[in-house]
Amino acid sequence: MQKRHVESLSGHIPAYIQVASALRRRIETGEWLPGEKISTLEELEEEFKRARVTVRQAVGLLEKEGLLMRQQGRGTFVAEHVNDKRWLTLETSWDAMIQSIKNNVPRFIDVKEPPAYPRLSPEEGQLAEQYGFLRSLQLRDGMPYAVVSVHIEKSVLEQYRDEFMKHTALTVLDKLRGTIVKKAHQTMTIGTADPEVAQLLGVSLSAPTAECRCVVTSDNDVAIYVGEITYRSDCIRLYMDLLDAEEPRQIQEARARRRAK
């Protein structure tokens, strides 16, 4: 089998999770095709410079995920039908985004020295006098898929603290549309997992991530919410209907043709 260049496995993430992430990536990119026999445990042990038990745990994890299938006496193969793990669609409208997260329950993370203020560019609004800071994990079926760090204008956080501690912050702010909430926008960039994020999400160090930044402002252009959300890249997708805006024109043209007949 062809020798591979192996990325450095380091940090505080369990070694078997790092190996599993590297193998998962080969399946997702098509380097290992459905039905293809993968490297033996001995070959993986040599390749990753890890103990047999570590490699066995990594392969076992991918078996549980349905990505690999072990056949007695033959070896381990990529599953013929690999489910699309990108179950989370990054929405492009407020209503759709709120609908997608309304049932999420955050698992809060204690931060010893939280930043007092969010970073804010001039076009994103003005800073409030004080902010509260919350950091949490978002989970699905017990597995973390996003790290969320938010600054909320302090008076808003204190007034609705019970709600913010039970629900995702944006679903709480959704109830304030038309009163406190006036504008909102979101941007997305591609990044890589730093040591802390890698440990929280259970991915390898420098694994690709999607980083969303959401800013919500009040009628006096004060940022009452600034959220930084880092997603595992292997669970998300961004869908945009590029022709949706043209549909009315097409309908009008079709009606015009019918009238002309």
Protein backbone atom coordinates (compact mmCIF):
# COMPACT_ATOMS: atom_id res chain seq x y z
CA MET A 1 0.00 0.00 0.00
CA GLN A 2 1.22 3.51 -0.85
CA LYS A 3 2.95 5.33 1.99
CA ARG A 4 1.09 8.35 3.25
CA HIS A 5 2.10 11.63 4.79
CA VAL A 6 0.63 11.63 8.29
CA GLU A 7 -0.32 14.88 10.00
CA SER A 8 1.12 15.52 13.44
CA LEU A 9 -1.04 14.14 16.21
CA SER A 10 -0.62 16.19 19.35
CA GLY A 11 -2.43 18.10 22.06
CA HIS A 12 -4.71 16.86 24.81
CA ILE A 13 -7.21 15.08 22.55
CA PRO A 14 -7.20 11.30 23.05
CA ALA A 15 -4.95 9.69 20.45
CA TYR A 16 -7.65 7.31 19.16
CA ILE A 17 -9.96 10.28 18.41
CA GLN A 18 -7.19 11.97 16.44
CA VAL A 19 -6.53 8.81 14.43
CA ALA A 20 -10.27 8.33 13.87
CA SER A 21 -10.53 11.92 12.59
CA ALA A 22 -7.74 11.31 10.08
CA LEU A 23 -9.36 8.08 8.85
CA ARG A 24 -12.80 9.68 8.71
CA ARG A 25 -11.38 12.40 6.54
CA ARG A 26 -10.12 9.80 4.02
CA ILE A 27 -13.64 8.40 3.73
CA GLU A 28 -15.32 11.80 3.43
CA THR A 29 -12.94 13.02 0.73
CA GLY A 30 -13.25 9.81 -1.28
CA GLU A 31 -9.65 8.76 -0.74
CA TRP A 32 -11.16 5.52 0.56
CA LEU A 33 -14.13 4.60 -1.62
CA PRO A 34 -17.30 2.72 -0.59
CA GLY A 35 -16.59 -1.00 -0.46
CA GLU A 36 -12.81 -0.51 -0.49
CA LYS A 37 -10.65 -2.47 1.92
CA ILE A 38 -8.72 -0.16 4.23
CA SER A 39 -5.23 -0.54 5.63
CA THR A 40 -4.65 -3.32 8.15
CA LEU A 41 -4.21 -2.57 11.83
CA GLU A 42 -0.50 -3.31 11.45
CA GLU A 43 -0.18 -0.82 8.59
CA LEU A 44 -2.11 1.87 10.47
CA GLU A 45 -0.06 1.22 13.59
CA GLU A 46 3.13 1.82 11.62
CA GLU A 47 1.72 4.79 9.72
CA PHE A 48 0.47 6.73 12.75
CA LYS A 49 3.19 5.55 15.13
CA ARG A 50 0.55 4.57 17.67
CA ALA A 51 -0.07 1.47 19.75
CA ARG A 52 -2.28 -1.29 18.39
CA VAL A 53 -4.94 -0.64 21.02
CA THR A 54 -5.16 3.02 19.93
CA VAL A 55 -5.62 2.13 16.27
CA ARG A 56 -8.16 -0.56 17.17
CA GLN A 57 -10.17 1.99 19.18
CA ALA A 58 -10.13 4.44 16.26
CA VAL A 59 -11.37 1.83 13.80
CA GLY A 60 -13.99 0.69 16.31
CA LEU A 61 -15.28 4.25 16.63
CA LEU A 62 -15.77 4.51 12.87
CA GLU A 63 -17.52 1.15 12.91
CA LYS A 64 -20.00 2.52 15.44
CA GLU A 65 -20.56 5.52 13.17
CA GLY A 66 -21.40 3.17 10.32
CA LEU A 67 -18.45 4.27 8.19
CA LEU A 68 -16.51 1.00 8.39
CA MET A 69 -17.53 -2.66 8.39
CA ARG A 70 -15.34 -5.50 9.63
CA GLN A 71 -15.60 -8.82 7.78
CA GLN A 72 -14.27 -11.86 9.59
CA GLY A 73 -11.16 -13.24 7.88
CA ARG A 74 -11.19 -10.60 5.15
CA GLY A 75 -10.42 -7.28 6.82
CA THR A 76 -12.16 -3.94 7.30
CA PHE A 77 -14.01 -2.19 4.50
CA VAL A 78 -15.59 1.20 3.91
CA ALA A 79 -19.39 0.90 4.17
CA GLU A 80 -21.15 0.69 0.82
CA HIS A 81 -23.63 3.38 1.82
CA VAL A 82 -22.12 6.17 3.89
CA ASN A 83 -24.72 8.46 5.40
CA ASP A 84 -24.28 12.18 4.86
CA LYS A 85 -23.02 13.44 8.20
CA ARG A 86 -23.58 17.05 7.23
CA TRP A 87 -26.96 17.17 8.89
CA LEU A 88 -26.78 20.83 9.96
CA THR A 89 -27.66 23.40 7.30
CA LEU A 90 -26.37 26.90 8.01
CA GLU A 91 -29.44 29.02 7.41
CA THR A 92 -29.41 32.32 5.56
CA SER A 93 -32.45 33.96 7.15
CA TRP A 94 -33.36 34.83 10.74
CA ASP A 95 -36.59 32.79 10.84
CA ALA A 96 -34.97 29.68 9.38
CA MET A 97 -32.02 29.97 11.76
CA ILE A 98 -34.27 30.31 14.82
CA GLN A 99 -36.31 27.31 13.69
CA SER A 100 -33.17 25.19 13.37
CA ILE A 101 -31.92 25.92 16.91
CA LYS A 102 -35.13 26.38 18.89
CA ASN A 103 -34.87 22.98 20.59
CA ASN A 104 -31.15 23.18 21.38
CA VAL A 105 -30.16 23.10 25.04
CA PRO A 106 -26.73 24.63 25.69
CA ARG A 107 -24.21 22.99 28.02
CA PHE A 108 -22.46 25.92 29.65
CA ILE A 109 -18.71 26.10 30.14
CA ASP A 110 -17.16 27.93 33.06
CA VAL A 111 -14.78 30.68 31.91
CA LYS A 112 -12.48 32.00 34.64
CA GLU A 113 -11.53 35.28 32.97
CA PRO A 114 -14.16 36.12 30.34
CA PRO A 115 -13.48 38.98 27.94
CA ALA A 116 -15.28 42.13 29.10
CA TYR A 117 -16.17 43.33 25.58
CA PRO A 118 -16.58 41.75 22.15
CA ARG A 119 -14.48 42.85 19.21
CA LEU A 120 -16.63 45.09 17.07
CA SER A 121 -15.88 46.82 13.77
CA PRO A 122 -17.38 50.28 13.09
CA GLU A 123 -19.93 48.96 10.58
CA GLU A 124 -21.24 46.41 13.10
CA GLY A 125 -22.58 49.02 15.52
CA GLN A 126 -21.54 50.55 18.80
CA LEU A 127 -20.42 48.90 22.00
CA ALA A 128 -22.77 48.85 24.96
CA GLU A 129 -21.55 50.10 28.33
CA GLN A 130 -21.39 46.58 29.80
CA TYR A 131 -21.73 43.00 28.65
CA GLY A 132 -22.20 39.60 30.16
CA PHE A 133 -20.38 36.63 28.65
CA LEU A 134 -21.62 33.06 28.13
CA ARG A 135 -19.80 30.10 26.63
CA SER A 136 -21.44 26.78 25.83
CA LEU A 137 -21.30 23.58 23.85
CA GLN A 138 -24.02 22.54 21.43
CA LEU A 139 -24.57 18.79 21.29
CA ARG A 140 -26.48 16.29 19.17
CA ASP A 141 -27.05 12.79 20.49
CA GLY A 142 -24.54 13.56 23.21
CA MET A 143 -21.79 14.54 20.75
CA PRO A 144 -20.51 18.15 20.64
CA TYR A 145 -20.69 19.89 17.28
CA ALA A 146 -20.29 23.60 18.10
CA VAL A 147 -18.61 25.91 20.61
CA VAL A 148 -20.58 29.10 21.22
CA SER A 149 -19.18 32.27 22.80
CA VAL A 150 -21.57 35.21 23.19
CA HIS A 151 -21.53 38.71 24.62
CA ILE A 152 -24.97 39.99 25.63
CA GLU A 153 -25.68 43.55 26.71
CA LYS A 154 -25.72 43.32 30.49
CA SER A 155 -29.16 44.79 31.21
CA VAL A 156 -30.75 42.45 28.63
CA LEU A 157 -28.90 39.44 30.09
CA GLU A 158 -29.95 40.29 33.64
CA GLN A 159 -33.58 40.89 32.69
CA TYR A 160 -33.92 37.57 30.88
CA ARG A 161 -31.21 35.55 32.64
CA ASP A 162 -33.44 32.55 33.41
CA GLU A 163 -34.36 32.25 29.74
CA PHE A 164 -30.77 32.63 28.58
CA MET A 165 -29.70 29.83 30.93
CA LYS A 166 -32.31 27.43 29.52
CA HIS A 167 -32.30 28.22 25.81
CA THR A 168 -29.95 29.35 23.08
CA ALA A 169 -29.46 33.11 23.22
CA LEU A 170 -30.84 33.86 19.75
CA THR A 171 -34.14 32.09 20.48
CA VAL A 172 -34.54 34.34 23.52
CA LEU A 173 -33.75 37.44 21.46
CA ASP A 174 -36.25 36.30 18.83
CA LYS A 175 -39.02 37.06 21.31
CA LEU A 176 -37.74 40.66 21.47
CA ARG A 177 -37.97 41.36 17.74
CA GLY A 178 -39.72 44.64 17.12
CA THR A 179 -38.86 45.95 20.58
CA ILE A 180 -35.19 45.67 21.55
CA VAL A 181 -33.97 43.76 18.47
CA LYS A 182 -33.87 45.80 15.27
CA LYS A 183 -31.10 44.45 13.02
CA ALA A 184 -29.10 41.23 12.73
CA HIS A 185 -26.48 39.89 10.37
CA GLN A 186 -24.23 36.85 10.20
CA THR A 187 -20.94 36.13 8.45
CA MET A 188 -19.08 32.86 8.00
CA THR A 189 -15.40 32.13 7.54
CA ILE A 190 -13.36 28.93 7.33
CA GLY A 191 -10.85 28.35 10.09
CA THR A 192 -8.99 25.64 11.98
CA ALA A 193 -9.40 24.23 15.47
CA ASP A 194 -7.09 25.63 18.12
CA PRO A 195 -6.12 23.36 21.05
CA GLU A 196 -9.09 24.37 23.23
CA VAL A 197 -11.70 24.03 20.47
CA ALA A 198 -10.16 20.76 19.29
CA GLN A 199 -10.47 19.33 22.78
CA LEU A 200 -14.06 20.55 23.27
CA LEU A 201 -15.26 19.25 19.88
CA GLY A 202 -13.20 16.07 19.86
CA VAL A 203 -11.42 16.82 16.60
CA SER A 204 -7.75 16.85 15.70
CA LEU A 205 -5.65 19.95 16.21
CA SER A 206 -5.98 22.32 13.23
CA ALA A 207 -8.96 20.39 11.86
CA PRO A 208 -11.09 22.57 9.55
CA THR A 209 -13.93 24.47 11.19
CA ALA A 210 -16.71 26.81 10.10
CA GLU A 211 -16.76 30.00 12.14
CA CYS A 212 -19.96 32.03 12.20
CA ARG A 213 -20.21 35.50 13.67
CA CYS A 214 -23.63 36.95 14.44
CA VAL A 215 -24.28 40.54 15.54
CA VAL A 216 -27.68 41.79 16.74
CA THR A 217 -28.22 45.52 17.24
CA SER A 218 -30.92 47.69 18.80
CA ASP A 219 -32.69 50.70 17.28
CA ASN A 220 -29.91 53.03 18.51
CA ASP A 221 -27.30 50.85 16.73
CA VAL A 222 -25.91 49.34 19.95
CA ALA A 223 -24.72 45.74 19.68
CA ILE A 224 -26.81 43.85 22.22
CA TYR A 225 -25.56 40.42 21.10
CA VAL A 226 -22.28 39.36 19.53
CA GLY A 227 -21.91 35.62 19.00
CA GLU A 228 -18.92 33.60 17.82
CA ILE A 229 -19.92 30.03 16.88
CA THR A 230 -17.34 27.47 15.82
CA TYR A 231 -18.72 24.35 14.12
CA ARG A 232 -17.08 21.06 13.28
CA SER A 233 -16.74 21.13 9.52
CA ASP A 234 -17.88 17.53 9.13
CA CYS A 235 -21.45 18.23 10.28
CA ILE A 236 -22.43 21.38 8.38
CA ARG A 237 -23.37 22.53 4.95
CA LEU A 238 -24.45 25.85 3.46
CA TYR A 239 -27.35 25.74 1.00
CA MET A 240 -28.45 28.68 -1.13
CA ASP A 241 -31.08 28.58 -3.85
CA LEU A 242 -29.47 30.83 -6.44
CA LEU A 243 -32.53 30.96 -8.69
CA ASP A 244 -35.12 31.49 -5.98
CA ALA A 245 -35.21 35.23 -6.59
CA GLU A 246 -35.96 34.65 -10.28
CA GLU A 247 -39.04 32.55 -9.67
CA PRO A 248 -41.55 35.44 -9.75
CA ARG A 249 -40.20 36.57 -13.13
CA GLN A 250 -40.44 33.05 -14.52
CA ILE A 251 -44.00 32.71 -13.26
CA GLN A 252 -44.92 36.01 -14.85
CA GLU A 253 -43.43 34.96 -18.18
CA ALA A 254 -45.28 31.63 -18.08
CA ARG A 255 -48.56 33.39 -17.40
CA ALA A 256 -47.88 35.83 -20.24
CA ARG A 257 -47.28 32.93 -22.64
CA ARG A 258 -50.53 31.28 -21.58
CA ARG A 259 -52.45 34.48 -22.15
CA ALA A 260 -50.90 34.87 -25.60
CA LYS A 261 -52.18 31.47 -26.74
